[in-house]
Amino acid sequence: MNRIEKVAVNNPARRALQRFYEVPALLKLAGGPLQPGSRAVEIGCGSGYGTQMILDHFNAASVDALDLDPEMVAKAKTRLADRSGRVRVEAGSATDLNAAFSAGDGDYDAAFDFAIIHHIPEWRAAVAEIARVLKPGGVFVFDEVTAHALARPSYRLLFDHPDHDRFTAQEFLAELPRHNLDVTGSFTRVNGDYLLGAARKQNADRG
């Protein structure tokens, strides 16, 4: 994520959109707040604002949050200092949650992706890792930027994203069942630029 995009995602307008539109929509798609005692993981936590939403609106009991950028990790730790008993923030990759948190199979009740997977060159590996650490019945909540948006001249000029193998909304949704993630609800906005949704982890041997 380049400096322009950091400014774009860490400003009052973006935070207001997330708090008053995206989070309520995602809560509805996910079937409401998490069950008491739920443990969540957030990939690409940035400055920690999304982590606050997971705690305050999704009612997670605890959140493990990670980001590749040490600057963002430091900011998140500062923002979430008063929640230190409920939050761990570490530097790390979304494709290897074991390295950051010693995350085993089925360790989490929920996983959150607030527009991060489109930044990851091996995005399917990130989906697979999320599925691995979710327990059966766990929910994956996602808000993503699609190839349709990334192809726009404004995006290409201002932001730094991988330009190979980016996903459409349909391709992202089609990938989830390959990892036993059943989509429970989704929709796109701005002519397919953005995808919001939720999926539930199923037992591998359900059939």
N, C-alpha and C. Protein backbone atom coordinates (compact mmCIF):
# COMPACT_ATOMS: atom_id res chain seq x y z
N MET A 1 0.85 -1.18 0.00
CA MET A 1 0.00 0.00 0.00
C MET A 1 0.89 1.25 0.00
N ASN A 2 0.73 2.10 -1.01
CA ASN A 2 1.58 3.27 -1.08
C ASN A 2 1.05 4.39 -0.17
N ARG A 3 1.81 5.50 -0.12
CA ARG A 3 1.47 6.57 0.82
C ARG A 3 0.12 7.22 0.50
N ILE A 4 -0.19 7.34 -0.79
CA ILE A 4 -1.47 7.94 -1.17
C ILE A 4 -2.63 7.09 -0.66
N GLU A 5 -2.50 5.77 -0.80
CA GLU A 5 -3.59 4.90 -0.33
C GLU A 5 -3.68 4.89 1.19
N LYS A 6 -2.55 4.99 1.87
CA LYS A 6 -2.60 5.08 3.34
C LYS A 6 -3.41 6.29 3.77
N VAL A 7 -3.20 7.42 3.09
CA VAL A 7 -3.97 8.62 3.40
C VAL A 7 -5.44 8.40 3.08
N ALA A 8 -5.72 7.72 1.96
CA ALA A 8 -7.09 7.51 1.53
C ALA A 8 -7.88 6.64 2.51
N VAL A 9 -7.21 5.66 3.11
CA VAL A 9 -7.94 4.74 3.99
C VAL A 9 -7.89 5.16 5.45
N ASN A 10 -7.03 6.13 5.77
CA ASN A 10 -6.92 6.59 7.15
C ASN A 10 -7.34 8.06 7.26
N ASN A 11 -8.59 8.32 6.89
CA ASN A 11 -9.12 9.67 6.99
C ASN A 11 -10.55 9.61 7.50
N PRO A 12 -11.09 10.71 8.02
CA PRO A 12 -12.42 10.69 8.62
C PRO A 12 -13.53 10.23 7.67
N ALA A 13 -13.43 10.59 6.39
CA ALA A 13 -14.48 10.20 5.45
C ALA A 13 -14.52 8.69 5.28
N ARG A 14 -13.37 8.07 5.11
CA ARG A 14 -13.30 6.62 4.97
C ARG A 14 -13.80 5.93 6.23
N ARG A 15 -13.42 6.45 7.37
CA ARG A 15 -13.84 5.83 8.63
C ARG A 15 -15.33 5.97 8.85
N ALA A 16 -15.90 7.10 8.45
CA ALA A 16 -17.35 7.28 8.56
C ALA A 16 -18.09 6.30 7.66
N LEU A 17 -17.58 6.11 6.43
CA LEU A 17 -18.19 5.14 5.51
C LEU A 17 -18.14 3.75 6.11
N GLN A 18 -17.01 3.40 6.68
CA GLN A 18 -16.86 2.07 7.27
C GLN A 18 -17.81 1.88 8.45
N ARG A 19 -17.86 2.88 9.32
CA ARG A 19 -18.65 2.74 10.54
C ARG A 19 -20.15 2.76 10.29
N PHE A 20 -20.60 3.68 9.43
CA PHE A 20 -22.04 3.91 9.30
C PHE A 20 -22.68 3.17 8.13
N TYR A 21 -21.86 2.67 7.19
CA TYR A 21 -22.44 1.93 6.07
C TYR A 21 -21.92 0.51 5.97
N GLU A 22 -20.60 0.36 5.90
CA GLU A 22 -20.05 -0.96 5.63
C GLU A 22 -20.24 -1.91 6.80
N VAL A 23 -19.92 -1.48 8.01
CA VAL A 23 -20.04 -2.38 9.16
C VAL A 23 -21.49 -2.81 9.39
N PRO A 24 -22.50 -1.91 9.37
CA PRO A 24 -23.88 -2.38 9.49
C PRO A 24 -24.28 -3.37 8.39
N ALA A 25 -23.81 -3.10 7.15
CA ALA A 25 -24.13 -4.03 6.06
C ALA A 25 -23.49 -5.38 6.29
N LEU A 26 -22.24 -5.39 6.72
CA LEU A 26 -21.54 -6.64 6.96
C LEU A 26 -22.13 -7.40 8.15
N LEU A 27 -22.57 -6.67 9.17
CA LEU A 27 -23.24 -7.32 10.30
C LEU A 27 -24.49 -8.06 9.83
N LYS A 28 -25.25 -7.44 8.96
CA LYS A 28 -26.45 -8.08 8.45
C LYS A 28 -26.10 -9.32 7.63
N LEU A 29 -25.09 -9.20 6.77
CA LEU A 29 -24.67 -10.34 5.95
C LEU A 29 -24.15 -11.49 6.80
N ALA A 30 -23.50 -11.15 7.91
CA ALA A 30 -22.92 -12.17 8.79
C ALA A 30 -23.94 -12.78 9.75
N GLY A 31 -25.15 -12.25 9.77
CA GLY A 31 -26.18 -12.79 10.66
C GLY A 31 -26.16 -12.19 12.05
N GLY A 32 -25.52 -11.01 12.19
CA GLY A 32 -25.50 -10.33 13.47
C GLY A 32 -24.16 -10.45 14.17
N PRO A 33 -24.07 -9.93 15.39
CA PRO A 33 -22.81 -9.98 16.15
C PRO A 33 -22.38 -11.40 16.44
N LEU A 34 -21.13 -11.54 16.79
CA LEU A 34 -20.57 -12.85 17.13
C LEU A 34 -21.11 -13.33 18.46
N GLN A 35 -21.00 -14.63 18.68
CA GLN A 35 -21.43 -15.21 19.94
C GLN A 35 -20.48 -14.78 21.07
N PRO A 36 -20.99 -14.71 22.29
CA PRO A 36 -20.12 -14.35 23.42
C PRO A 36 -18.88 -15.24 23.49
N GLY A 37 -17.76 -14.61 23.77
CA GLY A 37 -16.50 -15.35 23.88
C GLY A 37 -15.80 -15.63 22.57
N SER A 38 -16.32 -15.08 21.46
CA SER A 38 -15.75 -15.39 20.15
C SER A 38 -14.36 -14.78 19.97
N ARG A 39 -13.51 -15.54 19.32
CA ARG A 39 -12.15 -15.13 19.03
C ARG A 39 -12.04 -14.85 17.53
N ALA A 40 -11.49 -13.69 17.18
CA ALA A 40 -11.43 -13.28 15.78
C ALA A 40 -10.01 -12.98 15.35
N VAL A 41 -9.79 -13.04 14.03
CA VAL A 41 -8.52 -12.63 13.45
C VAL A 41 -8.83 -11.62 12.34
N GLU A 42 -8.01 -10.58 12.25
CA GLU A 42 -8.15 -9.59 11.19
C GLU A 42 -6.85 -9.52 10.41
N ILE A 43 -6.94 -9.66 9.10
CA ILE A 43 -5.76 -9.52 8.25
C ILE A 43 -5.67 -8.08 7.76
N GLY A 44 -4.45 -7.54 7.70
CA GLY A 44 -4.27 -6.18 7.21
C GLY A 44 -4.98 -5.14 8.06
N CYS A 45 -4.65 -5.09 9.33
CA CYS A 45 -5.39 -4.25 10.27
C CYS A 45 -5.12 -2.76 10.12
N GLY A 46 -4.08 -2.38 9.39
CA GLY A 46 -3.78 -0.97 9.23
C GLY A 46 -3.56 -0.30 10.58
N SER A 47 -4.19 0.86 10.76
CA SER A 47 -4.00 1.62 12.00
C SER A 47 -4.88 1.15 13.15
N GLY A 48 -5.65 0.09 12.92
CA GLY A 48 -6.44 -0.51 14.00
C GLY A 48 -7.87 -0.05 14.10
N TYR A 49 -8.33 0.79 13.16
CA TYR A 49 -9.71 1.26 13.24
C TYR A 49 -10.70 0.12 13.01
N GLY A 50 -10.41 -0.73 12.02
CA GLY A 50 -11.28 -1.88 11.79
C GLY A 50 -11.32 -2.82 12.97
N THR A 51 -10.19 -2.96 13.66
CA THR A 51 -10.14 -3.81 14.85
C THR A 51 -11.09 -3.30 15.91
N GLN A 52 -11.16 -1.98 16.06
CA GLN A 52 -12.12 -1.40 17.00
C GLN A 52 -13.55 -1.77 16.63
N MET A 53 -13.85 -1.74 15.32
CA MET A 53 -15.19 -2.10 14.87
C MET A 53 -15.51 -3.56 15.19
N ILE A 54 -14.53 -4.41 15.04
CA ILE A 54 -14.74 -5.84 15.33
C ILE A 54 -15.05 -6.03 16.82
N LEU A 55 -14.37 -5.29 17.66
CA LEU A 55 -14.61 -5.39 19.10
C LEU A 55 -15.94 -4.75 19.48
N ASP A 56 -16.21 -3.56 18.98
CA ASP A 56 -17.34 -2.77 19.45
C ASP A 56 -18.66 -3.12 18.79
N HIS A 57 -18.62 -3.53 17.51
CA HIS A 57 -19.86 -3.77 16.78
C HIS A 57 -20.11 -5.26 16.51
N PHE A 58 -19.06 -6.01 16.24
CA PHE A 58 -19.23 -7.45 16.07
C PHE A 58 -19.12 -8.19 17.41
N ASN A 59 -18.70 -7.48 18.45
CA ASN A 59 -18.66 -8.01 19.83
C ASN A 59 -17.70 -9.18 19.99
N ALA A 60 -16.58 -9.14 19.27
CA ALA A 60 -15.57 -10.17 19.49
C ALA A 60 -14.99 -10.04 20.89
N ALA A 61 -14.77 -11.17 21.53
CA ALA A 61 -14.14 -11.14 22.85
C ALA A 61 -12.67 -10.79 22.75
N SER A 62 -12.02 -11.26 21.67
CA SER A 62 -10.61 -10.96 21.45
C SER A 62 -10.33 -10.95 19.96
N VAL A 63 -9.30 -10.20 19.58
CA VAL A 63 -8.92 -10.10 18.17
C VAL A 63 -7.40 -10.22 18.04
N ASP A 64 -6.96 -11.09 17.15
CA ASP A 64 -5.57 -11.11 16.70
C ASP A 64 -5.52 -10.37 15.38
N ALA A 65 -4.76 -9.27 15.33
CA ALA A 65 -4.71 -8.42 14.15
C ALA A 65 -3.28 -8.34 13.63
N LEU A 66 -3.12 -8.42 12.31
CA LEU A 66 -1.77 -8.33 11.77
C LEU A 66 -1.74 -7.46 10.54
N ASP A 67 -0.54 -6.96 10.24
CA ASP A 67 -0.31 -6.14 9.06
C ASP A 67 1.15 -6.31 8.64
N LEU A 68 1.39 -6.21 7.34
CA LEU A 68 2.77 -6.33 6.84
C LEU A 68 3.61 -5.10 7.16
N ASP A 69 2.96 -3.95 7.31
CA ASP A 69 3.66 -2.67 7.44
C ASP A 69 3.96 -2.37 8.91
N PRO A 70 5.24 -2.33 9.30
CA PRO A 70 5.57 -2.04 10.71
C PRO A 70 5.03 -0.70 11.19
N GLU A 71 4.96 0.29 10.29
CA GLU A 71 4.41 1.59 10.66
C GLU A 71 2.95 1.47 11.08
N MET A 72 2.17 0.68 10.32
CA MET A 72 0.77 0.48 10.65
C MET A 72 0.61 -0.34 11.93
N VAL A 73 1.47 -1.32 12.12
CA VAL A 73 1.43 -2.12 13.35
C VAL A 73 1.64 -1.22 14.57
N ALA A 74 2.61 -0.31 14.47
CA ALA A 74 2.88 0.60 15.58
C ALA A 74 1.68 1.51 15.86
N LYS A 75 1.05 2.01 14.79
CA LYS A 75 -0.12 2.87 14.97
C LYS A 75 -1.28 2.09 15.58
N ALA A 76 -1.47 0.86 15.13
CA ALA A 76 -2.55 0.04 15.68
C ALA A 76 -2.33 -0.25 17.15
N LYS A 77 -1.10 -0.54 17.52
CA LYS A 77 -0.81 -0.81 18.94
C LYS A 77 -1.10 0.42 19.79
N THR A 78 -0.79 1.59 19.28
CA THR A 78 -1.09 2.82 20.01
C THR A 78 -2.58 3.03 20.12
N ARG A 79 -3.31 2.88 19.01
CA ARG A 79 -4.76 3.08 19.01
C ARG A 79 -5.46 2.11 19.96
N LEU A 80 -4.95 0.89 20.01
CA LEU A 80 -5.63 -0.17 20.77
C LEU A 80 -4.99 -0.43 22.13
N ALA A 81 -4.18 0.50 22.61
CA ALA A 81 -3.46 0.29 23.86
C ALA A 81 -4.40 0.05 25.03
N ASP A 82 -5.56 0.69 25.00
CA ASP A 82 -6.50 0.51 26.11
C ASP A 82 -7.28 -0.81 26.01
N ARG A 83 -7.04 -1.57 24.93
CA ARG A 83 -7.70 -2.87 24.75
C ARG A 83 -6.67 -3.99 24.82
N SER A 84 -5.53 -3.74 25.40
CA SER A 84 -4.41 -4.68 25.33
C SER A 84 -4.77 -6.07 25.84
N GLY A 85 -5.73 -6.17 26.74
CA GLY A 85 -6.14 -7.47 27.24
C GLY A 85 -6.97 -8.27 26.27
N ARG A 86 -7.47 -7.59 25.22
CA ARG A 86 -8.35 -8.25 24.26
C ARG A 86 -7.77 -8.31 22.85
N VAL A 87 -6.63 -7.65 22.62
CA VAL A 87 -6.08 -7.53 21.27
C VAL A 87 -4.60 -7.88 21.25
N ARG A 88 -4.21 -8.63 20.23
CA ARG A 88 -2.79 -8.80 19.91
C ARG A 88 -2.57 -8.25 18.51
N VAL A 89 -1.56 -7.41 18.35
CA VAL A 89 -1.23 -6.85 17.04
C VAL A 89 0.21 -7.23 16.71
N GLU A 90 0.40 -7.84 15.56
CA GLU A 90 1.72 -8.30 15.15
C GLU A 90 1.96 -7.99 13.67
N ALA A 91 3.22 -7.89 13.30
CA ALA A 91 3.58 -7.81 11.89
C ALA A 91 3.58 -9.22 11.31
N GLY A 92 3.02 -9.36 10.11
CA GLY A 92 3.00 -10.68 9.52
C GLY A 92 2.19 -10.72 8.25
N SER A 93 2.20 -11.89 7.62
CA SER A 93 1.54 -12.10 6.34
C SER A 93 0.22 -12.83 6.51
N ALA A 94 -0.75 -12.41 5.72
CA ALA A 94 -2.06 -13.07 5.74
C ALA A 94 -2.00 -14.49 5.20
N THR A 95 -0.92 -14.84 4.51
CA THR A 95 -0.80 -16.19 3.98
C THR A 95 -0.11 -17.14 4.95
N ASP A 96 0.28 -16.64 6.14
CA ASP A 96 0.94 -17.49 7.14
C ASP A 96 0.61 -16.97 8.54
N LEU A 97 -0.59 -17.24 8.99
CA LEU A 97 -1.01 -16.77 10.30
C LEU A 97 -0.34 -17.55 11.42
N ASN A 98 0.18 -18.70 11.12
CA ASN A 98 0.92 -19.46 12.11
C ASN A 98 2.18 -18.72 12.56
N ALA A 99 2.83 -18.04 11.63
CA ALA A 99 4.07 -17.34 11.96
C ALA A 99 3.82 -16.20 12.92
N ALA A 100 2.71 -15.50 12.77
CA ALA A 100 2.42 -14.34 13.62
C ALA A 100 1.80 -14.74 14.95
N PHE A 101 0.89 -15.71 14.92
CA PHE A 101 0.08 -16.02 16.10
C PHE A 101 0.10 -17.48 16.50
N SER A 102 0.95 -18.29 15.89
CA SER A 102 0.92 -19.74 16.11
C SER A 102 -0.49 -20.27 15.92
N ALA A 103 -1.15 -19.77 14.87
CA ALA A 103 -2.56 -20.11 14.63
C ALA A 103 -2.70 -21.52 14.09
N GLY A 104 -3.40 -22.35 14.83
CA GLY A 104 -3.65 -23.70 14.40
C GLY A 104 -4.93 -23.82 13.61
N ASP A 105 -5.18 -25.01 13.08
CA ASP A 105 -6.42 -25.25 12.35
C ASP A 105 -7.62 -25.04 13.28
N GLY A 106 -8.59 -24.25 12.81
CA GLY A 106 -9.82 -24.06 13.56
C GLY A 106 -9.68 -23.27 14.85
N ASP A 107 -8.72 -22.36 14.90
CA ASP A 107 -8.51 -21.58 16.13
C ASP A 107 -9.48 -20.42 16.31
N TYR A 108 -10.10 -19.95 15.23
CA TYR A 108 -10.88 -18.71 15.31
C TYR A 108 -12.36 -18.94 14.98
N ASP A 109 -13.19 -18.12 15.63
CA ASP A 109 -14.63 -18.12 15.35
C ASP A 109 -14.98 -17.20 14.19
N ALA A 110 -14.11 -16.24 13.89
CA ALA A 110 -14.39 -15.27 12.83
C ALA A 110 -13.09 -14.75 12.25
N ALA A 111 -13.14 -14.39 10.97
CA ALA A 111 -12.01 -13.76 10.29
C ALA A 111 -12.53 -12.56 9.51
N PHE A 112 -11.74 -11.49 9.49
CA PHE A 112 -12.17 -10.24 8.87
C PHE A 112 -11.14 -9.76 7.85
N ASP A 113 -11.66 -9.33 6.70
CA ASP A 113 -10.86 -8.81 5.60
C ASP A 113 -11.49 -7.50 5.16
N PHE A 114 -10.95 -6.39 5.64
CA PHE A 114 -11.44 -5.08 5.23
C PHE A 114 -10.56 -4.56 4.09
N ALA A 115 -10.83 -5.08 2.88
CA ALA A 115 -10.17 -4.62 1.65
C ALA A 115 -8.66 -4.82 1.67
N ILE A 116 -8.24 -6.05 1.96
CA ILE A 116 -6.82 -6.38 2.00
C ILE A 116 -6.43 -7.44 0.98
N ILE A 117 -7.27 -8.42 0.75
CA ILE A 117 -6.88 -9.55 -0.09
C ILE A 117 -6.53 -9.13 -1.51
N HIS A 118 -7.15 -8.06 -2.02
CA HIS A 118 -6.80 -7.62 -3.38
C HIS A 118 -5.37 -7.09 -3.47
N HIS A 119 -4.75 -6.79 -2.32
CA HIS A 119 -3.35 -6.37 -2.31
C HIS A 119 -2.37 -7.55 -2.37
N ILE A 120 -2.85 -8.75 -2.12
CA ILE A 120 -1.97 -9.91 -1.95
C ILE A 120 -1.77 -10.60 -3.30
N PRO A 121 -0.53 -10.70 -3.79
CA PRO A 121 -0.32 -11.36 -5.08
C PRO A 121 -0.90 -12.77 -5.13
N GLU A 122 -0.64 -13.57 -4.09
CA GLU A 122 -1.18 -14.94 -4.04
C GLU A 122 -2.47 -14.91 -3.22
N TRP A 123 -3.50 -14.29 -3.78
CA TRP A 123 -4.72 -14.06 -3.00
C TRP A 123 -5.45 -15.35 -2.64
N ARG A 124 -5.34 -16.36 -3.49
CA ARG A 124 -5.99 -17.64 -3.17
C ARG A 124 -5.36 -18.28 -1.94
N ALA A 125 -4.06 -18.07 -1.75
CA ALA A 125 -3.39 -18.60 -0.55
C ALA A 125 -3.90 -17.92 0.70
N ALA A 126 -4.23 -16.63 0.61
CA ALA A 126 -4.79 -15.93 1.75
C ALA A 126 -6.18 -16.48 2.10
N VAL A 127 -7.00 -16.73 1.08
CA VAL A 127 -8.32 -17.33 1.32
C VAL A 127 -8.17 -18.70 1.97
N ALA A 128 -7.23 -19.50 1.47
CA ALA A 128 -7.00 -20.83 2.03
C ALA A 128 -6.55 -20.76 3.48
N GLU A 129 -5.72 -19.78 3.80
CA GLU A 129 -5.23 -19.64 5.17
C GLU A 129 -6.35 -19.21 6.11
N ILE A 130 -7.20 -18.32 5.66
CA ILE A 130 -8.36 -17.92 6.45
C ILE A 130 -9.25 -19.13 6.72
N ALA A 131 -9.50 -19.91 5.69
CA ALA A 131 -10.34 -21.10 5.87
C ALA A 131 -9.69 -22.08 6.84
N ARG A 132 -8.39 -22.21 6.77
CA ARG A 132 -7.69 -23.15 7.65
C ARG A 132 -7.88 -22.81 9.13
N VAL A 133 -7.77 -21.53 9.45
CA VAL A 133 -7.79 -21.15 10.88
C VAL A 133 -9.20 -20.96 11.42
N LEU A 134 -10.22 -20.98 10.54
CA LEU A 134 -11.60 -20.88 11.02
C LEU A 134 -12.09 -22.24 11.48
N LYS A 135 -12.81 -22.24 12.59
CA LYS A 135 -13.44 -23.48 13.04
C LYS A 135 -14.71 -23.71 12.24
N PRO A 136 -15.20 -24.95 12.14
CA PRO A 136 -16.48 -25.19 11.48
C PRO A 136 -17.57 -24.33 12.10
N GLY A 137 -18.34 -23.66 11.24
CA GLY A 137 -19.35 -22.72 11.70
C GLY A 137 -18.83 -21.31 11.84
N GLY A 138 -17.51 -21.13 11.77
CA GLY A 138 -16.94 -19.80 11.86
C GLY A 138 -17.27 -18.96 10.64
N VAL A 139 -17.25 -17.64 10.82
CA VAL A 139 -17.67 -16.73 9.76
C VAL A 139 -16.48 -15.94 9.21
N PHE A 140 -16.45 -15.81 7.90
CA PHE A 140 -15.49 -14.98 7.20
C PHE A 140 -16.23 -13.77 6.67
N VAL A 141 -15.85 -12.59 7.13
CA VAL A 141 -16.49 -11.34 6.75
C VAL A 141 -15.53 -10.57 5.85
N PHE A 142 -15.98 -10.17 4.67
CA PHE A 142 -15.08 -9.55 3.71
C PHE A 142 -15.69 -8.33 3.03
N ASP A 143 -14.83 -7.38 2.77
CA ASP A 143 -15.15 -6.15 2.04
C ASP A 143 -13.99 -5.93 1.09
N GLU A 144 -14.20 -6.20 -0.19
CA GLU A 144 -13.09 -6.27 -1.13
C GLU A 144 -13.23 -5.32 -2.32
N VAL A 145 -12.09 -5.03 -2.93
CA VAL A 145 -11.98 -4.23 -4.14
C VAL A 145 -11.72 -5.18 -5.31
N THR A 146 -12.51 -5.08 -6.34
CA THR A 146 -12.43 -6.05 -7.44
C THR A 146 -11.55 -5.56 -8.59
N ALA A 147 -11.30 -6.47 -9.51
CA ALA A 147 -10.51 -6.14 -10.70
C ALA A 147 -11.17 -5.03 -11.50
N HIS A 148 -12.48 -4.94 -11.44
CA HIS A 148 -13.20 -3.88 -12.16
C HIS A 148 -12.74 -2.51 -11.69
N ALA A 149 -12.59 -2.34 -10.37
CA ALA A 149 -12.12 -1.07 -9.83
C ALA A 149 -10.63 -0.87 -10.12
N LEU A 150 -9.84 -1.93 -9.94
CA LEU A 150 -8.39 -1.80 -10.11
C LEU A 150 -7.99 -1.46 -11.54
N ALA A 151 -8.87 -1.75 -12.50
CA ALA A 151 -8.59 -1.43 -13.90
C ALA A 151 -8.89 0.02 -14.25
N ARG A 152 -9.55 0.73 -13.36
CA ARG A 152 -9.87 2.12 -13.64
C ARG A 152 -8.59 2.95 -13.69
N PRO A 153 -8.49 3.91 -14.61
CA PRO A 153 -7.28 4.74 -14.71
C PRO A 153 -6.93 5.44 -13.41
N SER A 154 -7.93 5.89 -12.66
CA SER A 154 -7.65 6.59 -11.40
C SER A 154 -6.96 5.68 -10.40
N TYR A 155 -7.41 4.44 -10.31
CA TYR A 155 -6.77 3.47 -9.41
C TYR A 155 -5.34 3.19 -9.86
N ARG A 156 -5.17 2.99 -11.15
CA ARG A 156 -3.86 2.64 -11.66
C ARG A 156 -2.85 3.78 -11.49
N LEU A 157 -3.37 5.02 -11.55
CA LEU A 157 -2.50 6.19 -11.41
C LEU A 157 -2.11 6.43 -9.96
N LEU A 158 -3.07 6.30 -9.06
CA LEU A 158 -2.85 6.74 -7.68
C LEU A 158 -2.36 5.64 -6.75
N PHE A 159 -2.78 4.40 -6.99
CA PHE A 159 -2.53 3.35 -6.02
C PHE A 159 -1.61 2.27 -6.59
N ASP A 160 -1.01 1.53 -5.68
CA ASP A 160 -0.07 0.48 -6.07
C ASP A 160 -0.66 -0.89 -5.72
N HIS A 161 -1.08 -1.61 -6.75
CA HIS A 161 -1.67 -2.94 -6.55
C HIS A 161 -1.01 -3.94 -7.49
N PRO A 162 -1.02 -5.22 -7.13
CA PRO A 162 -0.61 -6.22 -8.12
C PRO A 162 -1.47 -6.11 -9.37
N ASP A 163 -0.89 -6.32 -10.52
CA ASP A 163 -1.66 -6.18 -11.77
C ASP A 163 -1.90 -7.51 -12.46
N HIS A 164 -1.53 -8.61 -11.81
CA HIS A 164 -1.72 -9.94 -12.39
C HIS A 164 -2.71 -10.73 -11.55
N ASP A 165 -3.63 -11.42 -12.22
CA ASP A 165 -4.54 -12.35 -11.55
C ASP A 165 -5.38 -11.67 -10.47
N ARG A 166 -5.92 -10.50 -10.80
CA ARG A 166 -6.86 -9.88 -9.87
C ARG A 166 -8.25 -10.46 -10.09
N PHE A 167 -9.06 -10.47 -9.05
CA PHE A 167 -10.34 -11.18 -9.11
C PHE A 167 -11.52 -10.24 -9.34
N THR A 168 -12.47 -10.73 -10.10
CA THR A 168 -13.79 -10.10 -10.16
C THR A 168 -14.58 -10.55 -8.93
N ALA A 169 -15.72 -9.93 -8.71
CA ALA A 169 -16.58 -10.36 -7.60
C ALA A 169 -16.96 -11.82 -7.76
N GLN A 170 -17.30 -12.21 -8.99
CA GLN A 170 -17.72 -13.59 -9.24
C GLN A 170 -16.59 -14.57 -8.97
N GLU A 171 -15.36 -14.20 -9.36
CA GLU A 171 -14.23 -15.09 -9.15
C GLU A 171 -13.89 -15.24 -7.67
N PHE A 172 -14.00 -14.16 -6.93
CA PHE A 172 -13.74 -14.24 -5.49
C PHE A 172 -14.76 -15.14 -4.81
N LEU A 173 -16.04 -14.93 -5.13
CA LEU A 173 -17.09 -15.75 -4.53
C LEU A 173 -16.97 -17.21 -4.93
N ALA A 174 -16.52 -17.47 -6.15
CA ALA A 174 -16.36 -18.85 -6.62
C ALA A 174 -15.21 -19.55 -5.92
N GLU A 175 -14.21 -18.79 -5.46
CA GLU A 175 -13.06 -19.40 -4.78
C GLU A 175 -13.42 -19.90 -3.39
N LEU A 176 -14.35 -19.25 -2.73
CA LEU A 176 -14.62 -19.57 -1.33
C LEU A 176 -15.10 -21.01 -1.11
N PRO A 177 -16.05 -21.53 -1.89
CA PRO A 177 -16.48 -22.92 -1.67
C PRO A 177 -15.37 -23.95 -1.87
N ARG A 178 -14.34 -23.61 -2.61
CA ARG A 178 -13.21 -24.52 -2.79
C ARG A 178 -12.45 -24.75 -1.48
N HIS A 179 -12.71 -23.88 -0.51
CA HIS A 179 -12.07 -23.99 0.80
C HIS A 179 -13.11 -24.20 1.91
N ASN A 180 -14.24 -24.81 1.53
CA ASN A 180 -15.32 -25.11 2.48
C ASN A 180 -15.90 -23.86 3.13
N LEU A 181 -15.90 -22.76 2.39
CA LEU A 181 -16.51 -21.52 2.85
C LEU A 181 -17.78 -21.29 2.02
N ASP A 182 -18.93 -21.42 2.64
CA ASP A 182 -20.20 -21.24 1.94
C ASP A 182 -20.68 -19.81 2.11
N VAL A 183 -20.88 -19.12 1.01
CA VAL A 183 -21.32 -17.73 1.05
C VAL A 183 -22.74 -17.65 1.59
N THR A 184 -22.94 -16.85 2.62
CA THR A 184 -24.27 -16.68 3.20
C THR A 184 -24.96 -15.43 2.70
N GLY A 185 -24.20 -14.53 2.11
CA GLY A 185 -24.78 -13.32 1.55
C GLY A 185 -23.69 -12.43 1.00
N SER A 186 -24.01 -11.69 -0.07
CA SER A 186 -23.04 -10.77 -0.65
C SER A 186 -23.75 -9.80 -1.57
N PHE A 187 -23.09 -8.67 -1.83
CA PHE A 187 -23.57 -7.75 -2.84
C PHE A 187 -22.40 -6.89 -3.31
N THR A 188 -22.54 -6.30 -4.48
CA THR A 188 -21.53 -5.37 -5.00
C THR A 188 -22.12 -3.97 -5.02
N ARG A 189 -21.21 -2.99 -5.03
CA ARG A 189 -21.64 -1.59 -5.15
C ARG A 189 -20.68 -0.86 -6.10
N VAL A 190 -21.12 0.33 -6.53
CA VAL A 190 -20.38 1.16 -7.48
C VAL A 190 -20.05 0.34 -8.74
N ASN A 191 -21.09 -0.17 -9.39
CA ASN A 191 -20.93 -0.88 -10.66
C ASN A 191 -19.96 -2.05 -10.58
N GLY A 192 -19.99 -2.77 -9.46
CA GLY A 192 -19.16 -3.96 -9.31
C GLY A 192 -17.76 -3.71 -8.81
N ASP A 193 -17.44 -2.46 -8.43
CA ASP A 193 -16.09 -2.16 -7.95
C ASP A 193 -15.79 -2.78 -6.60
N TYR A 194 -16.81 -2.86 -5.75
CA TYR A 194 -16.59 -3.31 -4.37
C TYR A 194 -17.54 -4.46 -4.04
N LEU A 195 -17.01 -5.42 -3.31
CA LEU A 195 -17.75 -6.63 -2.94
C LEU A 195 -17.80 -6.75 -1.43
N LEU A 196 -18.99 -6.85 -0.88
CA LEU A 196 -19.17 -7.07 0.55
C LEU A 196 -19.89 -8.41 0.73
N GLY A 197 -19.49 -9.16 1.75
CA GLY A 197 -20.15 -10.44 1.96
C GLY A 197 -19.68 -11.17 3.20
N ALA A 198 -20.25 -12.34 3.39
CA ALA A 198 -19.89 -13.21 4.51
C ALA A 198 -20.04 -14.65 4.07
N ALA A 199 -19.24 -15.52 4.66
CA ALA A 199 -19.28 -16.95 4.36
C ALA A 199 -19.05 -17.73 5.65
N ARG A 200 -19.59 -18.93 5.70
CA ARG A 200 -19.45 -19.80 6.87
C ARG A 200 -18.59 -21.01 6.53
N LYS A 201 -17.71 -21.35 7.45
CA LYS A 201 -16.86 -22.54 7.28
C LYS A 201 -17.69 -23.78 7.53
N GLN A 202 -17.62 -24.72 6.60
CA GLN A 202 -18.33 -25.99 6.71
C GLN A 202 -17.37 -27.11 7.07
N ASN A 203 -17.92 -28.18 7.60
CA ASN A 203 -17.10 -29.37 7.86
C ASN A 203 -16.62 -29.95 6.53
N ALA A 204 -15.37 -30.33 6.47
CA ALA A 204 -14.82 -30.89 5.23
C ALA A 204 -15.52 -32.18 4.83
N ASP A 205 -16.04 -32.93 5.81
CA ASP A 205 -16.67 -34.23 5.54
C ASP A 205 -18.18 -34.16 5.58
N ARG A 206 -18.76 -32.96 5.33
CA ARG A 206 -20.20 -32.81 5.45
C ARG A 206 -20.97 -33.70 4.48
N GLY A 207 -20.32 -34.02 3.34
CA GLY A 207 -21.02 -34.86 2.36
C GLY A 207 -20.84 -36.32 2.67
